[in-house]
Protein backbone atom coordinates (compact mmCIF):
# COMPACT_ATOMS: atom_id res chain seq x y z
CA MET A 1 -22.79 21.92 40.65
CA GLU A 2 -22.37 19.90 37.49
CA ALA A 3 -19.67 19.11 34.99
CA ILE A 4 -19.60 21.45 32.01
CA CYS A 5 -18.45 21.17 28.42
CA GLN A 6 -17.18 24.51 27.16
CA VAL A 7 -17.24 24.74 23.36
CA SER A 8 -15.35 27.52 21.58
CA LEU A 9 -17.34 28.72 18.58
CA GLU A 10 -14.33 30.81 17.57
CA ALA A 11 -12.33 27.59 17.29
CA ILE A 12 -15.10 26.02 15.17
CA THR A 13 -14.99 29.05 12.85
CA GLN A 14 -11.22 29.00 12.48
CA ASN A 15 -11.12 25.26 11.83
CA TYR A 16 -13.83 25.51 9.18
CA ILE A 17 -12.06 28.40 7.44
CA TYR A 18 -8.74 26.52 7.51
CA PHE A 19 -10.23 23.61 5.59
CA GLN A 20 -12.23 25.90 3.32
CA LYS A 21 -9.04 27.64 2.20
CA ARG A 22 -7.27 24.32 1.65
CA VAL A 23 -9.94 22.88 -0.67
CA ASN A 24 -11.30 26.03 -2.32
CA PRO A 25 -13.35 26.16 -4.55
CA ALA A 26 -14.75 22.85 -3.34
CA GLN A 27 -17.61 22.97 -0.85
CA VAL A 28 -17.10 22.05 2.82
CA ILE A 29 -19.92 19.97 4.33
CA PRO A 30 -19.83 19.97 8.15
CA ILE A 31 -20.61 16.63 9.81
CA VAL A 32 -22.81 17.12 12.87
CA LYS A 33 -23.77 13.50 13.55
CA ALA A 34 -23.47 12.08 17.08
CA ASN A 35 -24.47 15.46 18.52
CA ALA A 36 -21.69 17.11 16.51
CA TYR A 37 -19.17 14.66 17.95
CA GLY A 38 -20.35 15.63 21.43
CA HIS A 39 -20.13 19.38 20.82
CA GLY A 40 -23.88 19.98 20.36
CA ALA A 41 -25.44 19.57 16.91
CA LEU A 42 -28.00 22.35 17.13
CA GLU A 43 -25.58 25.01 18.34
CA ILE A 44 -22.80 24.05 15.92
CA THR A 45 -25.27 24.05 13.02
CA ARG A 46 -26.75 27.37 14.12
CA HIS A 47 -23.32 28.95 14.32
CA LEU A 48 -22.11 27.76 10.92
CA TYR A 49 -25.41 28.56 9.25
CA THR A 50 -25.87 32.06 10.69
CA LYS A 51 -22.24 33.19 10.84
CA LEU A 52 -20.68 31.50 7.82
CA ASP A 53 -23.78 30.89 5.65
CA VAL A 54 -23.15 27.15 5.44
CA GLN A 55 -26.10 25.59 3.61
CA THR A 56 -25.45 21.83 3.66
CA PHE A 57 -24.80 19.59 6.66
CA ALA A 58 -24.54 15.83 7.14
CA VAL A 59 -25.76 13.43 9.84
CA ALA A 60 -25.86 9.69 10.35
CA THR A 61 -29.52 8.98 11.06
CA LEU A 62 -33.04 10.02 10.18
CA GLU A 63 -33.63 11.02 13.81
CA GLU A 64 -30.65 13.38 13.71
CA ALA A 65 -31.98 14.92 10.49
CA GLN A 66 -35.40 15.42 12.05
CA GLU A 67 -33.85 17.26 14.99
CA LEU A 68 -31.97 19.65 12.70
CA ALA A 69 -34.82 20.14 10.24
CA ALA A 70 -37.21 21.18 12.99
CA VAL A 71 -34.98 24.17 13.73
CA PHE A 72 -33.32 24.81 10.36
CA PRO A 73 -35.81 24.13 7.55
CA ALA A 74 -33.76 26.05 4.96
CA ILE A 75 -30.58 23.95 5.06
CA SER A 76 -29.95 20.69 3.19
CA ILE A 77 -29.25 17.65 5.38
CA LEU A 78 -27.49 14.60 3.95
CA ILE A 79 -28.30 11.40 5.85
CA PHE A 80 -25.54 8.77 5.66
CA SER A 81 -27.35 5.70 6.97
CA ARG A 82 -30.20 3.86 5.29
CA VAL A 83 -33.77 5.14 5.45
CA PHE A 84 -36.39 2.47 4.81
CA PRO A 85 -39.53 3.02 2.70
CA SER A 86 -41.66 2.70 5.85
CA GLU A 87 -39.89 5.78 7.22
CA LEU A 88 -40.32 8.00 4.17
CA ASP A 89 -43.36 9.79 5.53
CA SER A 90 -41.24 11.14 8.38
CA VAL A 91 -38.31 12.31 6.22
CA PRO A 92 -37.95 16.12 6.39
CA ASP A 93 -38.43 18.00 3.14
CA ASN A 94 -34.86 19.31 3.29
CA ALA A 95 -33.25 15.89 3.76
CA ILE A 96 -31.15 14.04 1.19
CA LEU A 97 -31.12 10.27 1.54
CA THR A 98 -28.22 7.92 0.87
CA VAL A 99 -28.62 4.90 -1.40
CA GLY A 100 -26.10 2.28 -0.31
CA SER A 101 -27.29 -0.86 -2.08
CA MET A 102 -29.37 -1.97 -5.04
CA GLU A 103 -31.93 -3.34 -2.59
CA ASP A 104 -32.19 0.12 -1.10
CA ALA A 105 -32.46 1.75 -4.53
CA LEU A 106 -35.23 -0.57 -5.69
CA ALA A 107 -37.16 -0.21 -2.44
CA LEU A 108 -37.12 3.57 -2.69
CA SER A 109 -37.91 3.50 -6.41
CA ASN A 110 -40.94 1.28 -5.79
CA SER A 111 -42.32 3.58 -3.11
CA GLN A 112 -45.23 5.88 -3.76
CA ILE A 113 -43.09 9.01 -3.34
CA ASN A 114 -41.75 10.81 -6.40
CA ASN A 115 -38.41 12.54 -6.84
CA ILE A 116 -36.71 11.32 -3.71
CA ARG A 117 -33.51 13.32 -3.26
CA VAL A 118 -30.53 10.98 -2.90
CA HIS A 119 -26.77 10.66 -3.04
CA LEU A 120 -25.29 7.32 -4.08
CA ASN A 121 -22.75 5.82 -1.69
CA ILE A 122 -20.06 4.02 -3.72
CA ASN A 123 -18.11 1.19 -2.11
CA THR A 124 -14.50 1.65 -3.22
CA GLY A 125 -12.93 -0.51 -0.52
CA MET A 126 -14.44 0.34 2.87
CA ASN A 127 -16.85 -2.62 2.53
CA ARG A 128 -19.30 -1.23 5.06
CA LEU A 129 -21.98 0.26 2.82
CA GLY A 130 -22.17 1.17 -0.81
CA LEU A 131 -22.93 0.32 -4.41
CA SER A 132 -20.38 -0.88 -6.91
CA SER A 133 -19.31 1.62 -9.54
CA GLY A 134 -21.21 -0.38 -12.16
CA GLU A 135 -24.40 -0.31 -10.10
CA ALA A 136 -24.07 3.43 -9.68
CA ILE A 137 -23.73 3.92 -13.44
CA ASP A 138 -26.82 1.74 -13.98
CA LEU A 139 -28.86 3.80 -11.53
CA ILE A 140 -27.74 7.12 -12.97
CA SER A 141 -28.66 5.99 -16.50
CA MET A 142 -32.00 4.47 -15.43
CA GLU A 143 -35.03 6.11 -16.96
CA ASP A 144 -38.32 6.76 -15.13
CA SER A 145 -36.71 6.35 -11.71
CA GLN A 146 -38.25 7.84 -8.59
CA LEU A 147 -34.77 8.75 -7.45
CA GLN A 148 -33.52 12.29 -7.92
CA ILE A 149 -29.79 11.56 -7.83
CA GLU A 150 -28.05 14.73 -6.67
CA GLY A 151 -24.64 13.32 -5.88
CA VAL A 152 -22.25 10.40 -5.54
CA TYR A 153 -19.78 9.83 -2.77
CA SER A 154 -17.45 7.28 -1.26
CA HIS A 155 -15.69 6.86 2.08
CA PHE A 156 -12.00 6.26 2.77
CA SER A 157 -10.96 3.43 5.04
CA SER A 158 -7.39 4.61 5.62
CA SER A 159 -6.84 8.28 4.81
CA ASP A 160 -5.33 8.71 8.29
CA THR A 161 -2.79 5.86 8.20
CA THR A 162 0.83 5.72 7.09
CA SER A 163 0.08 3.26 4.30
CA LYS A 164 -1.35 4.90 1.19
CA VAL A 165 -2.01 1.74 -0.83
CA VAL A 166 -5.76 1.36 -0.23
CA TYR A 167 -6.20 5.12 0.01
CA SER A 168 -4.73 5.54 -3.48
CA GLN A 169 -6.79 2.65 -4.86
CA GLN A 170 -10.00 4.18 -3.54
CA ASN A 171 -9.12 7.58 -4.95
CA SER A 172 -8.39 6.04 -8.32
CA GLU A 173 -11.62 4.04 -8.50
CA PHE A 174 -13.74 6.99 -7.45
CA ASP A 175 -12.01 9.33 -9.90
CA THR A 176 -12.62 6.84 -12.72
CA LEU A 177 -16.31 6.65 -11.85
CA VAL A 178 -16.68 10.42 -11.65
CA THR A 179 -14.99 10.84 -15.01
CA LYS A 180 -17.42 8.36 -16.59
CA ILE A 181 -20.61 9.80 -15.17
CA LEU A 182 -19.62 13.39 -15.90
CA ALA A 183 -18.92 12.38 -19.49
CA SER A 184 -22.41 10.88 -19.67
CA GLY A 185 -23.97 14.17 -18.58
CA PHE A 186 -24.35 13.68 -14.82
CA GLN A 187 -24.41 17.08 -13.10
CA GLY A 188 -24.63 16.10 -9.44
CA MET A 189 -22.10 16.58 -6.68
CA ASN A 190 -19.19 14.19 -6.12
CA HIS A 191 -17.25 13.86 -2.85
CA ILE A 192 -14.97 11.40 -1.10
CA ALA A 193 -12.59 13.31 1.20
CA ASN A 194 -13.03 13.35 4.97
CA SER A 195 -11.05 15.51 7.41
CA ALA A 196 -7.85 13.49 7.18
CA ALA A 197 -7.99 13.38 3.38
CA GLY A 198 -8.63 17.12 3.33
CA LEU A 199 -5.25 17.56 5.00
CA GLN A 200 -3.40 15.50 2.37
CA ASP A 201 -1.74 17.80 -0.14
CA GLU A 202 -2.18 15.28 -2.95
CA GLN A 203 -5.90 14.78 -2.34
CA LYS A 204 -8.22 15.89 -5.12
CA PRO A 205 -11.11 17.73 -3.42
CA PHE A 206 -13.69 16.89 -6.13
CA ASP A 207 -16.82 19.02 -5.55
CA ALA A 208 -16.82 18.84 -1.74
CA ILE A 209 -15.18 17.44 1.35
CA ARG A 210 -17.03 16.16 4.41
CA LEU A 211 -15.55 17.85 7.46
CA GLY A 212 -15.98 15.87 10.67
CA ILE A 213 -13.28 15.60 13.33
CA GLY A 214 -11.22 18.38 11.75
CA LEU A 215 -14.06 20.84 12.35
CA TYR A 216 -13.73 20.18 16.07
CA GLY A 217 -9.99 20.76 16.07
CA TYR A 218 -8.18 17.46 15.57
CA ASP A 219 -5.65 16.38 12.97
CA THR A 220 -5.90 12.58 12.83
CA THR A 221 -3.41 12.08 9.98
CA ALA A 222 -0.40 9.87 10.64
CA ASP A 223 2.07 12.76 11.01
CA GLY A 224 -0.34 15.25 12.61
CA GLU A 225 1.53 18.15 11.02
CA HIS A 226 -1.59 20.34 10.80
CA GLN A 227 -2.52 20.09 14.49
CA ALA A 228 -0.85 23.42 15.26
CA GLN A 229 -3.23 25.14 12.81
CA LEU A 230 -6.36 23.53 14.31
CA GLN A 231 -7.95 24.51 17.60
CA PRO A 232 -9.67 21.85 19.71
CA ALA A 233 -13.05 23.33 20.53
CA MET A 234 -13.98 21.29 23.61
CA THR A 235 -12.89 21.67 27.21
CA ILE A 236 -14.51 19.57 29.94
CA LYS A 237 -14.47 20.93 33.48
CA ALA A 238 -15.70 19.32 36.69
CA PRO A 239 -16.35 20.90 40.09
CA LEU A 240 -14.45 19.93 43.21
CA ILE A 241 -17.05 18.83 45.74
CA ARG A 242 -14.94 17.48 48.61
CA VAL A 243 -11.40 17.63 50.00
CA ALA A 244 -10.38 15.16 52.73
CA ARG A 245 -7.14 14.08 54.35
CA ILE A 246 -6.18 10.40 54.28
CA GLN A 247 -3.34 8.62 55.99
CA ALA A 248 -0.51 6.62 54.46
CA GLY A 249 -1.73 3.13 53.61
CA GLU A 250 -5.37 4.12 53.11
CA SER A 251 -7.06 3.25 49.81
CA VAL A 252 -9.36 5.22 47.54
CA SER A 253 -12.49 4.09 45.64
CA TYR A 254 -13.78 0.67 44.62
CA ALA A 255 -11.68 -2.49 44.92
CA GLU A 256 -8.80 -0.66 46.65
CA LYS A 257 -6.90 -0.21 43.38
CA TRP A 258 -4.87 2.69 44.79
CA GLN A 259 -3.28 3.16 48.17
CA SER A 260 -1.47 6.26 49.31
CA ALA A 261 2.17 5.89 50.27
CA ILE A 262 2.02 9.09 52.34
CA ASP A 263 -0.48 11.29 54.14
CA THR A 264 -2.22 13.33 51.44
CA ASN A 265 -5.32 15.31 50.46
CA ILE A 266 -7.86 13.61 48.21
CA GLY A 267 -10.22 15.69 46.11
CA THR A 268 -13.48 14.40 44.68
CA LEU A 269 -14.67 15.79 41.33
CA ARG A 270 -18.25 15.63 40.10
CA ILE A 271 -17.69 13.66 36.89
CA GLY A 272 -17.60 9.94 36.14
CA TYR A 273 -18.03 7.37 33.43
CA ALA A 274 -21.75 8.18 33.09
CA ASP A 275 -20.62 11.64 31.96
CA GLY A 276 -18.15 10.20 29.46
CA TYR A 277 -15.01 10.13 31.61
CA ASN A 278 -13.66 6.76 30.61
CA ARG A 279 -13.34 4.16 33.38
CA ALA A 280 -10.07 3.01 31.79
CA LEU A 281 -8.52 6.23 33.12
CA THR A 282 -8.49 4.64 36.58
CA ASN A 283 -5.07 5.49 38.08
CA ARG A 284 -4.08 6.89 34.67
CA GLY A 285 -6.02 10.11 34.25
CA VAL A 286 -4.72 13.63 34.86
CA VAL A 287 -6.62 16.85 35.62
CA ALA A 288 -5.46 20.46 35.77
CA TYR A 289 -6.19 23.49 37.95
CA GLN A 290 -4.49 26.88 38.27
CA GLY A 291 -1.31 25.90 36.49
CA LYS A 292 -0.85 22.51 38.11
CA THR A 293 -1.75 18.95 37.24
CA TYR A 294 -3.04 16.24 39.56
CA PRO A 295 -3.33 12.47 39.02
CA VAL A 296 -6.62 10.60 39.08
CA VAL A 297 -6.37 7.96 41.80
CA GLY A 298 -8.57 4.96 42.46
CA THR A 299 -11.31 3.51 40.30
CA VAL A 300 -13.27 5.96 38.16
CA THR A 301 -16.87 5.69 39.37
CA MET A 302 -20.16 6.39 37.62
CA ASP A 303 -20.49 9.93 38.98
CA HIS A 304 -17.13 10.88 40.50
CA ILE A 305 -13.37 10.72 40.16
CA MET A 306 -10.82 11.22 42.92
CA ILE A 307 -7.54 13.10 42.57
CA ASP A 308 -4.41 13.28 44.70
CA LEU A 309 -4.01 16.93 45.75
CA GLY A 310 -0.89 16.39 47.85
CA LEU A 311 -0.63 19.36 50.23
CA ASP A 312 -3.01 21.55 48.20
CA GLU A 313 -6.48 22.41 49.51
CA PRO A 314 -8.47 24.17 46.78
CA GLN A 315 -11.88 25.56 47.65
CA THR A 316 -14.80 23.29 46.89
CA GLY A 317 -16.69 24.51 43.84
CA ALA A 318 -13.46 25.12 41.94
CA LEU A 319 -13.61 23.88 38.34
CA PHE A 320 -10.85 21.50 37.27
CA GLU A 321 -10.02 20.82 33.63
CA VAL A 322 -10.43 17.10 33.02
CA MET A 323 -10.33 17.06 29.19
CA GLY A 324 -8.99 19.75 26.90
CA GLY A 325 -7.31 22.99 27.90
CA GLU A 326 -3.69 24.09 27.83
CA PHE A 327 -1.91 21.21 29.54
CA PRO A 328 -0.73 18.49 27.13
CA GLU A 329 -1.51 15.75 29.68
CA VAL A 330 -5.21 16.69 29.68
CA ARG A 331 -5.74 17.25 25.96
CA VAL A 332 -8.12 14.98 24.09
CA ASN A 333 -5.38 13.83 21.72
CA THR A 334 -3.26 12.75 24.70
CA ILE A 335 -6.14 10.95 26.39
CA SER A 336 -7.08 9.12 23.18
CA LYS A 337 -3.52 7.89 22.70
CA LYS A 338 -3.32 6.78 26.32
CA LEU A 339 -6.50 4.74 25.82
CA THR A 340 -5.39 3.51 22.35
CA THR A 341 -8.47 5.01 20.75
CA ILE A 342 -9.25 8.14 18.70
CA PRO A 343 -10.50 11.68 19.51
CA TYR A 344 -13.81 10.82 17.81
CA GLU A 345 -14.68 8.38 20.61
CA ILE A 346 -13.48 10.60 23.46
CA CYS A 347 -15.54 13.59 22.29
CA SER A 348 -18.70 11.77 21.22
CA MET A 349 -18.94 9.89 24.53
CA ILE A 350 -19.52 13.08 26.54
CA SER A 351 -23.04 12.48 27.82
CA PRO A 352 -26.05 14.86 27.73
CA ARG A 353 -25.89 15.42 31.49
CA VAL A 354 -22.68 17.40 30.99
CA LYS A 355 -23.97 20.93 30.37
CA ARG A 356 -22.75 22.55 27.16
CA GLN A 357 -21.62 26.17 27.27
CA TYR A 358 -20.79 28.13 24.11
């Protein structure tokens, strides 16, 4: 038996509709990069495309766009990261490239391909990628360019923090740019909001928001007040493959990092850090089964974790919830806080050998 990742498509639908209602009439662009944050890019795209008629999706890399385009040739796919001129021959017809620097713009313009569909990434304070507002205006006004500029966008650095200083500055700079280019006749799309910004009541939606972690059921804003309206879509379960009795004073797993104070039953689950169960959950993790929770004991190994069952002796083959589900201790939000990270990392680290079920 293998570990499984159960993904609720009903939850995906409800989360999408929740954001759609909040930002209407702006468009909602689902982000399906990193295998849809571990949820399965092809299945999430198929569901949103066939059930909700979503036409535009976004990914990080050319390779991710190629995977989607091979199955869904009718959708538009925005690629966030740079595509070099040497890769243009392998760009799908339904892809939209991002221009994130003048070097990038000139390289694409000097290629032998006409009318390359692009969005301009504007750096308003993230300082990772992006053109200045002035460079964007220059490109939009440039005549005889090979670039077919269909949109402009920026990316917030702190829409999910308590401080709104940089967030407000970025909003202001982007709004100023959009006002200028619209006045000059630009008719392309403009977008800046991510999931967290889409949950801010004061956020202007512009033409679209890019829905990433919120689509999968997580409110990452500082107050988390919308979490009750979002449904986490992922539950990870692992099979129990062994139950054995140990004596008081015996240790479990590598380096003897846990010793039992009493005689107890130890269960072994078929999941480990190679599956995405973080090794930092050694002696800190919790799993759930039939209304009860059990602590993870001993070092998390590549393929297995061990749990203290106490007096319980479940049947081998039973599936334990190790991430997600009803118990607060096992939810992804709880695990991410325990590890001082974010739900993005927890979800996207679930490896391909964990079978997805929809």
